[in-house]
Amino acid sequence: MDVVFGLIPLMLFFGFLVVVVFIWMAKTGHFDDLDGAANSIFMDDEYEEDKSPLKSKEKEINQETSAKQSEKQ
């Protein structure tokens, strides 16, 4: 029974601490953008496509070919 009398104030203290931390996080803006990180995976796909070495090599070949064709004309 002595343990219960020690645990009750301890749990009340931890509960109060959790509420204080939650209020602090809400005021500092930690919960402002909940969907941004979830949607960022869809936005990154466009940039990865441009960074691939195959695509950049194809662009170089196309530019060289168009430059040669314009010189011939």
PDB file of N, CA and C in Angstrom:
ATOM      1  N   MET A   1       0.825  -1.199   0.000  1.00  0.00           N
ATOM      2  CA  MET A   1       0.000   0.000   0.000  1.00  0.00           C
ATOM      3  C   MET A   1       0.865   1.256   0.000  1.00  0.00           C
ATOM      4  N   ASP A   2       2.036   1.167   0.617  1.00  0.00           N
ATOM      5  CA  ASP A   2       2.934   2.321   0.631  1.00  0.00           C
ATOM      6  C   ASP A   2       3.413   2.664  -0.782  1.00  0.00           C
ATOM      7  N   VAL A   3       3.531   1.640  -1.627  1.00  0.00           N
ATOM      8  CA  VAL A   3       3.978   1.864  -3.004  1.00  0.00           C
ATOM      9  C   VAL A   3       2.935   2.679  -3.768  1.00  0.00           C
ATOM     10  N   VAL A   4       1.660   2.404  -3.535  1.00  0.00           N
ATOM     11  CA  VAL A   4       0.589   3.124  -4.223  1.00  0.00           C
ATOM     12  C   VAL A   4       0.626   4.602  -3.851  1.00  0.00           C
ATOM     13  N   PHE A   5       0.887   4.905  -2.605  1.00  0.00           N
ATOM     14  CA  PHE A   5       0.949   6.300  -2.181  1.00  0.00           C
ATOM     15  C   PHE A   5       2.140   7.022  -2.802  1.00  0.00           C
ATOM     16  N   GLY A   6       3.152   6.300  -3.174  1.00  0.00           N
ATOM     17  CA  GLY A   6       4.297   6.912  -3.860  1.00  0.00           C
ATOM     18  C   GLY A   6       4.077   7.029  -5.357  1.00  0.00           C
ATOM     19  N   LEU A   7       3.358   6.064  -5.937  1.00  0.00           N
ATOM     20  CA  LEU A   7       3.162   6.062  -7.383  1.00  0.00           C
ATOM     21  C   LEU A   7       2.112   7.069  -7.847  1.00  0.00           C
ATOM     22  N   ILE A   8       1.106   7.323  -7.029  1.00  0.00           N
ATOM     23  CA  ILE A   8       0.051   8.258  -7.433  1.00  0.00           C
ATOM     24  C   ILE A   8       0.611   9.663  -7.669  1.00  0.00           C
ATOM     25  N   PRO A   9       1.372  10.245  -6.763  1.00  0.00           N
ATOM     26  CA  PRO A   9       1.944  11.574  -7.058  1.00  0.00           C
ATOM     27  C   PRO A   9       2.923  11.549  -8.235  1.00  0.00           C
ATOM     28  N   LEU A  10       3.657  10.458  -8.374  1.00  0.00           N
ATOM     29  CA  LEU A  10       4.596  10.336  -9.481  1.00  0.00           C
ATOM     30  C   LEU A  10       3.860  10.327 -10.825  1.00  0.00           C
ATOM     31  N   MET A  11       2.775   9.584 -10.915  1.00  0.00           N
ATOM     32  CA  MET A  11       1.997   9.535 -12.156  1.00  0.00           C
ATOM     33  C   MET A  11       1.294  10.870 -12.423  1.00  0.00           C
ATOM     34  N   LEU A  12       0.836  11.548 -11.394  1.00  0.00           N
ATOM     35  CA  LEU A  12       0.251  12.878 -11.576  1.00  0.00           C
ATOM     36  C   LEU A  12       1.291  13.862 -12.106  1.00  0.00           C
ATOM     37  N   PHE A  13       2.512  13.774 -11.592  1.00  0.00           N
ATOM     38  CA  PHE A  13       3.590  14.636 -12.067  1.00  0.00           C
ATOM     39  C   PHE A  13       3.896  14.362 -13.540  1.00  0.00           C
ATOM     40  N   PHE A  14       4.013  13.091 -13.926  1.00  0.00           N
ATOM     41  CA  PHE A  14       4.292  12.748 -15.322  1.00  0.00           C
ATOM     42  C   PHE A  14       3.137  13.155 -16.247  1.00  0.00           C
ATOM     43  N   GLY A  15       1.913  13.019 -15.777  1.00  0.00           N
ATOM     44  CA  GLY A  15       0.763  13.454 -16.571  1.00  0.00           C
ATOM     45  C   GLY A  15       0.777  14.959 -16.791  1.00  0.00           C
ATOM     46  N   PHE A  16       1.086  15.710 -15.742  1.00  0.00           N
ATOM     47  CA  PHE A  16       1.197  17.161 -15.856  1.00  0.00           C
ATOM     48  C   PHE A  16       2.324  17.541 -16.814  1.00  0.00           C
ATOM     49  N   LEU A  17       3.439  16.827 -16.739  1.00  0.00           N
ATOM     50  CA  LEU A  17       4.577  17.085 -17.616  1.00  0.00           C
ATOM     51  C   LEU A  17       4.214  16.836 -19.086  1.00  0.00           C
ATOM     52  N   VAL A  18       3.464  15.787 -19.357  1.00  0.00           N
ATOM     53  CA  VAL A  18       3.037  15.486 -20.728  1.00  0.00           C
ATOM     54  C   VAL A  18       2.128  16.595 -21.254  1.00  0.00           C
ATOM     55  N   VAL A  19       1.220  17.078 -20.434  1.00  0.00           N
ATOM     56  CA  VAL A  19       0.323  18.158 -20.856  1.00  0.00           C
ATOM     57  C   VAL A  19       1.117  19.432 -21.145  1.00  0.00           C
ATOM     58  N   VAL A  20       2.082  19.752 -20.313  1.00  0.00           N
ATOM     59  CA  VAL A  20       2.902  20.950 -20.518  1.00  0.00           C
ATOM     60  C   VAL A  20       3.710  20.834 -21.810  1.00  0.00           C
ATOM     61  N   VAL A  21       4.306  19.674 -22.055  1.00  0.00           N
ATOM     62  CA  VAL A  21       5.086  19.476 -23.288  1.00  0.00           C
ATOM     63  C   VAL A  21       4.178  19.559 -24.512  1.00  0.00           C
ATOM     64  N   PHE A  22       2.992  19.005 -24.441  1.00  0.00           N
ATOM     65  CA  PHE A  22       2.050  19.072 -25.562  1.00  0.00           C
ATOM     66  C   PHE A  22       1.657  20.516 -25.865  1.00  0.00           C
ATOM     67  N   ILE A  23       1.365  21.296 -24.847  1.00  0.00           N
ATOM     68  CA  ILE A  23       1.002  22.702 -25.046  1.00  0.00           C
ATOM     69  C   ILE A  23       2.181  23.471 -25.631  1.00  0.00           C
ATOM     70  N   TRP A  24       3.390  23.217 -25.147  1.00  0.00           N
ATOM     71  CA  TRP A  24       4.582  23.878 -25.678  1.00  0.00           C
ATOM     72  C   TRP A  24       4.782  23.540 -27.158  1.00  0.00           C
ATOM     73  N   MET A  25       4.599  22.275 -27.517  1.00  0.00           N
ATOM     74  CA  MET A  25       4.770  21.871 -28.914  1.00  0.00           C
ATOM     75  C   MET A  25       3.708  22.507 -29.804  1.00  0.00           C
ATOM     76  N   ALA A  26       2.494  22.630 -29.315  1.00  0.00           N
ATOM     77  CA  ALA A  26       1.427  23.243 -30.105  1.00  0.00           C
ATOM     78  C   ALA A  26       1.696  24.732 -30.324  1.00  0.00           C
ATOM     79  N   LYS A  27       2.236  25.406 -29.321  1.00  0.00           N
ATOM     80  CA  LYS A  27       2.516  26.836 -29.448  1.00  0.00           C
ATOM     81  C   LYS A  27       3.716  27.114 -30.345  1.00  0.00           C
ATOM     82  N   THR A  28       4.680  26.210 -30.400  1.00  0.00           N
ATOM     83  CA  THR A  28       5.879  26.451 -31.211  1.00  0.00           C
ATOM     84  C   THR A  28       5.724  25.976 -32.641  1.00  0.00           C
ATOM     85  N   GLY A  29       4.587  25.405 -33.000  1.00  0.00           N
ATOM     86  CA  GLY A  29       4.306  25.082 -34.390  1.00  0.00           C
ATOM     87  C   GLY A  29       4.703  23.700 -34.852  1.00  0.00           C
ATOM     88  N   HIS A  30       4.868  22.771 -33.948  1.00  0.00           N
ATOM     89  CA  HIS A  30       5.245  21.416 -34.350  1.00  0.00           C
ATOM     90  C   HIS A  30       4.120  20.671 -35.059  1.00  0.00           C
ATOM     91  N   PHE A  31       2.903  21.111 -34.912  1.00  0.00           N
ATOM     92  CA  PHE A  31       1.767  20.424 -35.523  1.00  0.00           C
ATOM     93  C   PHE A  31       1.163  21.224 -36.676  1.00  0.00           C
ATOM     94  N   ASP A  32       1.882  22.197 -37.218  1.00  0.00           N
ATOM     95  CA  ASP A  32       1.323  23.054 -38.264  1.00  0.00           C
ATOM     96  C   ASP A  32       1.154  22.333 -39.595  1.00  0.00           C
ATOM     97  N   ASP A  33       2.159  21.588 -40.034  1.00  0.00           N
ATOM     98  CA  ASP A  33       2.119  20.949 -41.354  1.00  0.00           C
ATOM     99  C   ASP A  33       2.205  19.436 -41.190  1.00  0.00           C
ATOM    100  N   LEU A  34       1.055  18.798 -40.998  1.00  0.00           N
ATOM    101  CA  LEU A  34       1.045  17.358 -40.778  1.00  0.00           C
ATOM    102  C   LEU A  34       1.099  16.573 -42.078  1.00  0.00           C
ATOM    103  N   ASP A  35       0.656  17.164 -43.186  1.00  0.00           N
ATOM    104  CA  ASP A  35       0.613  16.450 -44.463  1.00  0.00           C
ATOM    105  C   ASP A  35       1.815  16.728 -45.347  1.00  0.00           C
ATOM    106  N   GLY A  36       2.624  17.693 -45.017  1.00  0.00           N
ATOM    107  CA  GLY A  36       3.750  18.060 -45.873  1.00  0.00           C
ATOM    108  C   GLY A  36       4.747  16.934 -46.061  1.00  0.00           C
ATOM    109  N   ALA A  37       5.129  16.277 -44.993  1.00  0.00           N
ATOM    110  CA  ALA A  37       6.096  15.185 -45.106  1.00  0.00           C
ATOM    111  C   ALA A  37       5.496  13.987 -45.831  1.00  0.00           C
ATOM    112  N   ALA A  38       4.213  13.760 -45.641  1.00  0.00           N
ATOM    113  CA  ALA A  38       3.570  12.625 -46.314  1.00  0.00           C
ATOM    114  C   ALA A  38       3.458  12.857 -47.813  1.00  0.00           C
ATOM    115  N   ASN A  39       3.251  14.086 -48.222  1.00  0.00           N
ATOM    116  CA  ASN A  39       3.113  14.391 -49.649  1.00  0.00           C
ATOM    117  C   ASN A  39       4.441  14.653 -50.333  1.00  0.00           C
ATOM    118  N   SER A  40       5.500  14.848 -49.578  1.00  0.00           N
ATOM    119  CA  SER A  40       6.785  15.163 -50.199  1.00  0.00           C
ATOM    120  C   SER A  40       7.331  13.999 -51.009  1.00  0.00           C
ATOM    121  N   ILE A  41       6.916  12.794 -50.703  1.00  0.00           N
ATOM    122  CA  ILE A  41       7.392  11.643 -51.465  1.00  0.00           C
ATOM    123  C   ILE A  41       6.911  11.721 -52.905  1.00  0.00           C
ATOM    124  N   PHE A  42       5.755  12.309 -53.139  1.00  0.00           N
ATOM    125  CA  PHE A  42       5.241  12.433 -54.497  1.00  0.00           C
ATOM    126  C   PHE A  42       5.933  13.562 -55.259  1.00  0.00           C
ATOM    127  N   MET A  43       6.364  14.585 -54.563  1.00  0.00           N
ATOM    128  CA  MET A  43       7.015  15.717 -55.211  1.00  0.00           C
ATOM    129  C   MET A  43       8.454  15.405 -55.602  1.00  0.00           C
ATOM    130  N   ASP A  44       9.122  14.523 -54.896  1.00  0.00           N
ATOM    131  CA  ASP A  44      10.522  14.217 -55.171  1.00  0.00           C
ATOM    132  C   ASP A  44      10.707  13.407 -56.441  1.00  0.00           C
ATOM    133  N   ASP A  45       9.683  12.721 -56.922  1.00  0.00           N
ATOM    134  CA  ASP A  45       9.825  11.879 -58.103  1.00  0.00           C
ATOM    135  C   ASP A  45      10.230  12.683 -59.335  1.00  0.00           C
ATOM    136  N   GLU A  46       9.730  13.887 -59.481  1.00  0.00           N
ATOM    137  CA  GLU A  46      10.048  14.703 -60.646  1.00  0.00           C
ATOM    138  C   GLU A  46      11.523  15.068 -60.675  1.00  0.00           C
ATOM    139  N   TYR A  47      12.101  15.362 -59.537  1.00  0.00           N
ATOM    140  CA  TYR A  47      13.497  15.766 -59.491  1.00  0.00           C
ATOM    141  C   TYR A  47      14.434  14.582 -59.707  1.00  0.00           C
ATOM    142  N   GLU A  48      14.062  13.426 -59.232  1.00  0.00           N
ATOM    143  CA  GLU A  48      14.898  12.245 -59.429  1.00  0.00           C
ATOM    144  C   GLU A  48      14.993  11.880 -60.901  1.00  0.00           C
ATOM    145  N   GLU A  49      13.938  12.116 -61.646  1.00  0.00           N
ATOM    146  CA  GLU A  49      13.923  11.781 -63.065  1.00  0.00           C
ATOM    147  C   GLU A  49      14.962  12.614 -63.822  1.00  0.00           C
ATOM    148  N   ASP A  50      15.124  13.882 -63.443  1.00  0.00           N
ATOM    149  CA  ASP A  50      16.081  14.751 -64.117  1.00  0.00           C
ATOM    150  C   ASP A  50      17.521  14.435 -63.726  1.00  0.00           C
ATOM    151  N   LYS A  51      17.739  13.841 -62.574  1.00  0.00           N
ATOM    152  CA  LYS A  51      19.087  13.578 -62.090  1.00  0.00           C
ATOM    153  C   LYS A  51      19.676  12.278 -62.622  1.00  0.00           C
ATOM    154  N   SER A  52      18.887  11.464 -63.280  1.00  0.00           N
ATOM    155  CA  SER A  52      19.406  10.173 -63.725  1.00  0.00           C
ATOM    156  C   SER A  52      20.458  10.381 -64.810  1.00  0.00           C
ATOM    157  N   PRO A  53      21.548   9.622 -64.780  1.00  0.00           N
ATOM    158  CA  PRO A  53      22.619   9.798 -65.770  1.00  0.00           C
ATOM    159  C   PRO A  53      22.159   9.487 -67.189  1.00  0.00           C
ATOM    160  N   LEU A  54      21.249   8.550 -67.349  1.00  0.00           N
ATOM    161  CA  LEU A  54      20.772   8.190 -68.677  1.00  0.00           C
ATOM    162  C   LEU A  54      20.040   9.356 -69.329  1.00  0.00           C
ATOM    163  N   LYS A  55      19.194  10.028 -68.560  1.00  0.00           N
ATOM    164  CA  LYS A  55      18.448  11.165 -69.098  1.00  0.00           C
ATOM    165  C   LYS A  55      19.394  12.300 -69.482  1.00  0.00           C
ATOM    166  N   SER A  56      20.391  12.583 -68.651  1.00  0.00           N
ATOM    167  CA  SER A  56      21.309  13.673 -68.970  1.00  0.00           C
ATOM    168  C   SER A  56      22.143  13.337 -70.200  1.00  0.00           C
ATOM    169  N   LYS A  57      22.520  12.081 -70.359  1.00  0.00           N
ATOM    170  CA  LYS A  57      23.276  11.666 -71.540  1.00  0.00           C
ATOM    171  C   LYS A  57      22.414  11.806 -72.796  1.00  0.00           C
ATOM    172  N   GLU A  58      21.134  11.444 -72.701  1.00  0.00           N
ATOM    173  CA  GLU A  58      20.225  11.597 -73.835  1.00  0.00           C
ATOM    174  C   GLU A  58      20.076  13.065 -74.218  1.00  0.00           C
ATOM    175  N   LYS A  59      20.022  13.944 -73.228  1.00  0.00           N
ATOM    176  CA  LYS A  59      19.907  15.375 -73.504  1.00  0.00           C
ATOM    177  C   LYS A  59      21.149  15.879 -74.234  1.00  0.00           C
ATOM    178  N   GLU A  60      22.329  15.425 -73.808  1.00  0.00           N
ATOM    179  CA  GLU A  60      23.566  15.845 -74.466  1.00  0.00           C
ATOM    180  C   GLU A  60      23.591  15.387 -75.919  1.00  0.00           C
ATOM    181  N   ILE A  61      23.191  14.156 -76.172  1.00  0.00           N
ATOM    182  CA  ILE A  61      23.179  13.623 -77.533  1.00  0.00           C
ATOM    183  C   ILE A  61      22.195  14.402 -78.395  1.00  0.00           C
ATOM    184  N   ASN A  62      21.028  14.704 -77.855  1.00  0.00           N
ATOM    185  CA  ASN A  62      20.027  15.473 -78.606  1.00  0.00           C
ATOM    186  C   ASN A  62      20.535  16.876 -78.934  1.00  0.00           C
ATOM    187  N   GLN A  63      21.239  17.499 -77.988  1.00  0.00           N
ATOM    188  CA  GLN A  63      21.769  18.838 -78.233  1.00  0.00           C
ATOM    189  C   GLN A  63      22.855  18.803 -79.304  1.00  0.00           C
ATOM    190  N   GLU A  64      23.725  17.796 -79.240  1.00  0.00           N
ATOM    191  CA  GLU A  64      24.781  17.670 -80.250  1.00  0.00           C
ATOM    192  C   GLU A  64      24.185  17.423 -81.632  1.00  0.00           C
ATOM    193  N   THR A  65      23.179  16.573 -81.703  1.00  0.00           N
ATOM    194  CA  THR A  65      22.539  16.259 -82.981  1.00  0.00           C
ATOM    195  C   THR A  65      21.857  17.484 -83.567  1.00  0.00           C
ATOM    196  N   SER A  66      21.153  18.231 -82.731  1.00  0.00           N
ATOM    197  CA  SER A  66      20.472  19.431 -83.230  1.00  0.00           C
ATOM    198  C   SER A  66      21.483  20.498 -83.643  1.00  0.00           C
ATOM    199  N   ALA A  67      22.620  20.583 -82.953  1.00  0.00           N
ATOM    200  CA  ALA A  67      23.654  21.551 -83.329  1.00  0.00           C
ATOM    201  C   ALA A  67      24.262  21.185 -84.674  1.00  0.00           C
ATOM    202  N   LYS A  68      24.508  19.907 -84.900  1.00  0.00           N
ATOM    203  CA  LYS A  68      25.070  19.457 -86.179  1.00  0.00           C
ATOM    204  C   LYS A  68      24.086  19.691 -87.321  1.00  0.00           C
ATOM    205  N   GLN A  69      22.799  19.473 -87.053  1.00  0.00           N
ATOM    206  CA  GLN A  69      21.788  19.674 -88.090  1.00  0.00           C
ATOM    207  C   GLN A  69      21.647  21.149 -88.440  1.00  0.00           C
ATOM    208  N   SER A  70      21.767  22.013 -87.453  1.00  0.00           N
ATOM    209  CA  SER A  70      21.652  23.447 -87.726  1.00  0.00           C
ATOM    210  C   SER A  70      22.880  23.954 -88.486  1.00  0.00           C
ATOM    211  N   GLU A  71      24.049  23.336 -88.279  1.00  0.00           N
ATOM    212  CA  GLU A  71      25.253  23.723 -89.016  1.00  0.00           C
ATOM    213  C   GLU A  71      25.142  23.325 -90.484  1.00  0.00           C
ATOM    214  N   LYS A  72      24.512  22.205 -90.763  1.00  0.00           N
ATOM    215  CA  LYS A  72      24.369  21.721 -92.133  1.00  0.00           C
ATOM    216  C   LYS A  72      23.424  22.601 -92.940  1.00  0.00           C
ATOM    217  N   GLN A  73      22.473  23.222 -92.277  1.00  0.00           N
ATOM    218  CA  GLN A  73      21.476  24.034 -92.986  1.00  0.00           C
ATOM    219  C   GLN A  73      22.048  25.368 -93.222  1.00  0.00           C
TER     220      GLN A  73
END
